[in-house]
N, C-alpha and C. Protein backbone atom coordinates (compact mmCIF):
# COMPACT_ATOMS: atom_id res chain seq x y z
N TYR A 1 -123.65 48.34 -29.81
CA TYR A 1 -125.00 48.83 -29.85
C TYR A 1 -125.12 49.94 -30.86
N THR A 2 -126.22 49.94 -31.57
CA THR A 2 -126.52 50.99 -32.53
C THR A 2 -127.87 51.58 -32.19
N TYR A 3 -127.97 52.88 -32.28
CA TYR A 3 -129.26 53.51 -32.07
C TYR A 3 -129.44 54.63 -33.07
N THR A 4 -130.67 54.97 -33.29
CA THR A 4 -131.01 56.02 -34.24
C THR A 4 -131.76 57.12 -33.51
N ILE A 5 -131.36 58.33 -33.76
CA ILE A 5 -132.09 59.47 -33.21
C ILE A 5 -133.03 59.97 -34.29
N GLU A 6 -134.29 60.01 -33.96
CA GLU A 6 -135.27 60.50 -34.91
C GLU A 6 -135.69 61.90 -34.50
N PHE A 7 -135.46 62.85 -35.41
CA PHE A 7 -135.90 64.21 -35.15
C PHE A 7 -137.37 64.31 -35.49
N PRO A 8 -138.11 65.09 -34.72
CA PRO A 8 -139.51 65.27 -35.04
C PRO A 8 -139.67 65.93 -36.40
N LYS A 9 -140.79 65.65 -37.03
CA LYS A 9 -141.05 66.28 -38.33
C LYS A 9 -141.20 67.77 -38.13
N GLY A 10 -140.85 68.53 -39.13
CA GLY A 10 -140.94 69.98 -39.04
C GLY A 10 -139.58 70.61 -39.27
N ILE A 11 -139.47 71.83 -38.88
CA ILE A 11 -138.26 72.61 -39.09
C ILE A 11 -137.34 72.43 -37.89
N ARG A 12 -136.09 72.05 -38.15
CA ARG A 12 -135.12 71.89 -37.06
C ARG A 12 -134.96 73.24 -36.35
N GLY A 13 -135.14 73.23 -35.04
CA GLY A 13 -135.02 74.45 -34.24
C GLY A 13 -136.36 75.12 -33.95
N ASP A 14 -137.41 74.67 -34.63
CA ASP A 14 -138.75 75.25 -34.40
C ASP A 14 -139.38 74.53 -33.20
N VAL A 15 -138.95 74.91 -32.02
CA VAL A 15 -139.34 74.23 -30.79
C VAL A 15 -140.84 74.38 -30.52
N ASN A 16 -141.37 75.57 -30.75
CA ASN A 16 -142.79 75.81 -30.45
C ASN A 16 -143.70 75.45 -31.62
N ASN A 17 -143.12 74.95 -32.71
CA ASN A 17 -143.88 74.41 -33.85
C ASN A 17 -144.80 75.43 -34.50
N ASP A 18 -144.30 76.68 -34.62
CA ASP A 18 -145.10 77.72 -35.27
C ASP A 18 -144.69 77.97 -36.71
N GLY A 19 -143.78 77.16 -37.23
CA GLY A 19 -143.35 77.29 -38.61
C GLY A 19 -142.17 78.22 -38.82
N GLU A 20 -141.61 78.77 -37.73
CA GLU A 20 -140.47 79.68 -37.81
C GLU A 20 -139.45 79.32 -36.73
N VAL A 21 -138.20 79.61 -37.01
CA VAL A 21 -137.16 79.49 -35.98
C VAL A 21 -136.78 80.90 -35.59
N ASN A 22 -137.07 81.26 -34.33
CA ASN A 22 -136.81 82.62 -33.88
C ASN A 22 -136.54 82.62 -32.38
N ILE A 23 -136.46 83.81 -31.79
CA ILE A 23 -136.11 83.94 -30.38
C ILE A 23 -137.12 83.24 -29.47
N ALA A 24 -138.35 83.11 -29.90
CA ALA A 24 -139.35 82.41 -29.09
C ALA A 24 -138.93 80.95 -28.86
N ASP A 25 -138.28 80.35 -29.84
CA ASP A 25 -137.80 78.98 -29.70
C ASP A 25 -136.65 78.90 -28.70
N VAL A 26 -135.75 79.88 -28.77
CA VAL A 26 -134.65 79.95 -27.80
C VAL A 26 -135.22 80.12 -26.39
N ASN A 27 -136.20 81.00 -26.25
CA ASN A 27 -136.81 81.23 -24.94
C ASN A 27 -137.46 79.97 -24.40
N THR A 28 -138.07 79.18 -25.26
CA THR A 28 -138.69 77.92 -24.82
C THR A 28 -137.63 76.95 -24.33
N ILE A 29 -136.53 76.86 -25.04
CA ILE A 29 -135.43 75.98 -24.61
C ILE A 29 -134.92 76.42 -23.24
N ILE A 30 -134.72 77.72 -23.05
CA ILE A 30 -134.23 78.22 -21.77
C ILE A 30 -135.24 77.91 -20.66
N ALA A 31 -136.51 78.07 -20.95
CA ALA A 31 -137.54 77.77 -19.95
C ALA A 31 -137.50 76.30 -19.55
N ILE A 32 -137.27 75.41 -20.52
CA ILE A 32 -137.15 73.98 -20.23
C ILE A 32 -135.94 73.73 -19.34
N ILE A 33 -134.82 74.35 -19.68
CA ILE A 33 -133.60 74.19 -18.87
C ILE A 33 -133.86 74.64 -17.44
N LEU A 34 -134.65 75.70 -17.28
CA LEU A 34 -134.94 76.24 -15.95
C LEU A 34 -136.05 75.49 -15.22
N GLY A 35 -136.61 74.46 -15.87
CA GLY A 35 -137.54 73.58 -15.17
C GLY A 35 -138.99 73.62 -15.61
N ARG A 36 -139.32 74.38 -16.66
CA ARG A 36 -140.71 74.38 -17.12
C ARG A 36 -141.12 73.00 -17.59
N SER A 37 -142.30 72.60 -17.20
CA SER A 37 -142.84 71.31 -17.62
C SER A 37 -143.48 71.48 -19.00
N VAL A 38 -143.05 70.63 -19.93
CA VAL A 38 -143.58 70.67 -21.30
C VAL A 38 -143.86 69.25 -21.76
N SER A 39 -144.60 69.14 -22.85
CA SER A 39 -144.92 67.81 -23.40
C SER A 39 -143.66 67.14 -23.96
N ASP A 40 -143.76 65.84 -24.14
CA ASP A 40 -142.65 65.09 -24.72
C ASP A 40 -142.32 65.58 -26.12
N ASP A 41 -143.33 65.96 -26.90
CA ASP A 41 -143.09 66.47 -28.25
C ASP A 41 -142.25 67.74 -28.22
N VAL A 42 -142.57 68.64 -27.31
CA VAL A 42 -141.79 69.88 -27.20
C VAL A 42 -140.37 69.56 -26.77
N LYS A 43 -140.21 68.64 -25.83
CA LYS A 43 -138.86 68.24 -25.41
C LYS A 43 -138.06 67.68 -26.57
N ARG A 44 -138.69 66.86 -27.40
CA ARG A 44 -137.98 66.30 -28.56
C ARG A 44 -137.57 67.40 -29.52
N ARG A 45 -138.47 68.36 -29.77
CA ARG A 45 -138.12 69.46 -30.67
C ARG A 45 -137.05 70.36 -30.07
N ALA A 46 -137.04 70.48 -28.73
CA ALA A 46 -136.05 71.33 -28.05
C ALA A 46 -134.65 70.72 -28.07
N ASP A 47 -134.55 69.42 -28.28
CA ASP A 47 -133.24 68.77 -28.36
C ASP A 47 -132.69 68.96 -29.77
N VAL A 48 -132.34 70.19 -30.08
CA VAL A 48 -131.92 70.58 -31.43
C VAL A 48 -130.63 69.86 -31.83
N THR A 49 -129.75 69.60 -30.89
CA THR A 49 -128.49 68.94 -31.20
C THR A 49 -128.64 67.43 -31.34
N GLY A 50 -129.76 66.88 -30.86
CA GLY A 50 -130.00 65.45 -31.00
C GLY A 50 -129.18 64.58 -30.07
N ASP A 51 -128.71 65.15 -28.96
CA ASP A 51 -127.89 64.37 -28.04
C ASP A 51 -128.68 63.74 -26.89
N GLY A 52 -130.00 63.88 -26.92
CA GLY A 52 -130.83 63.27 -25.90
C GLY A 52 -131.06 64.13 -24.68
N GLU A 53 -130.52 65.34 -24.67
CA GLU A 53 -130.68 66.26 -23.55
C GLU A 53 -131.09 67.63 -24.07
N VAL A 54 -131.80 68.37 -23.24
CA VAL A 54 -132.09 69.77 -23.56
C VAL A 54 -131.21 70.60 -22.65
N ASN A 55 -130.27 71.32 -23.26
CA ASN A 55 -129.33 72.12 -22.49
C ASN A 55 -128.90 73.33 -23.31
N ILE A 56 -127.93 74.07 -22.80
CA ILE A 56 -127.51 75.32 -23.43
C ILE A 56 -127.00 75.09 -24.86
N ALA A 57 -126.49 73.93 -25.14
CA ALA A 57 -126.03 73.63 -26.50
C ALA A 57 -127.19 73.70 -27.49
N ASP A 58 -128.38 73.32 -27.05
CA ASP A 58 -129.55 73.41 -27.93
C ASP A 58 -129.94 74.86 -28.17
N ALA A 59 -129.85 75.69 -27.13
CA ALA A 59 -130.12 77.13 -27.31
C ALA A 59 -129.11 77.73 -28.27
N ASN A 60 -127.84 77.38 -28.11
CA ASN A 60 -126.79 77.89 -29.00
C ASN A 60 -127.01 77.42 -30.44
N ALA A 61 -127.40 76.17 -30.62
CA ALA A 61 -127.66 75.64 -31.96
C ALA A 61 -128.82 76.36 -32.61
N THR A 62 -129.84 76.68 -31.83
CA THR A 62 -131.00 77.40 -32.37
C THR A 62 -130.61 78.81 -32.76
N ILE A 63 -129.80 79.46 -31.94
CA ILE A 63 -129.31 80.81 -32.29
C ILE A 63 -128.50 80.75 -33.58
N ALA A 64 -127.69 79.72 -33.73
CA ALA A 64 -126.90 79.57 -34.96
C ALA A 64 -127.82 79.41 -36.18
N ILE A 65 -128.90 78.66 -36.02
CA ILE A 65 -129.85 78.51 -37.12
C ILE A 65 -130.45 79.87 -37.48
N ILE A 66 -130.83 80.63 -36.47
CA ILE A 66 -131.41 81.96 -36.71
C ILE A 66 -130.43 82.86 -37.44
N LEU A 67 -129.19 82.88 -37.00
CA LEU A 67 -128.18 83.79 -37.57
C LEU A 67 -127.73 83.38 -38.97
N ASN A 68 -127.89 82.11 -39.31
CA ASN A 68 -127.45 81.63 -40.62
C ASN A 68 -128.53 81.69 -41.68
N LYS A 69 -129.68 82.23 -41.35
CA LYS A 69 -130.76 82.31 -42.34
C LYS A 69 -130.44 83.31 -43.41
């Protein structure tokens, strides 16, 4: 089986789609992990690692993006 993961258009790590990758995006990922209900688009953007799940690895990846700017 072969599958393709399509990342949403925009900036990788920009979970809230405001044009920047910052702590607000990390906070959104953490809120999702803790159970906040969000749209499917936000969930797709929050899956920064592209593994099909929103978890601490996505928060860590977003922090790495912020620190590498």
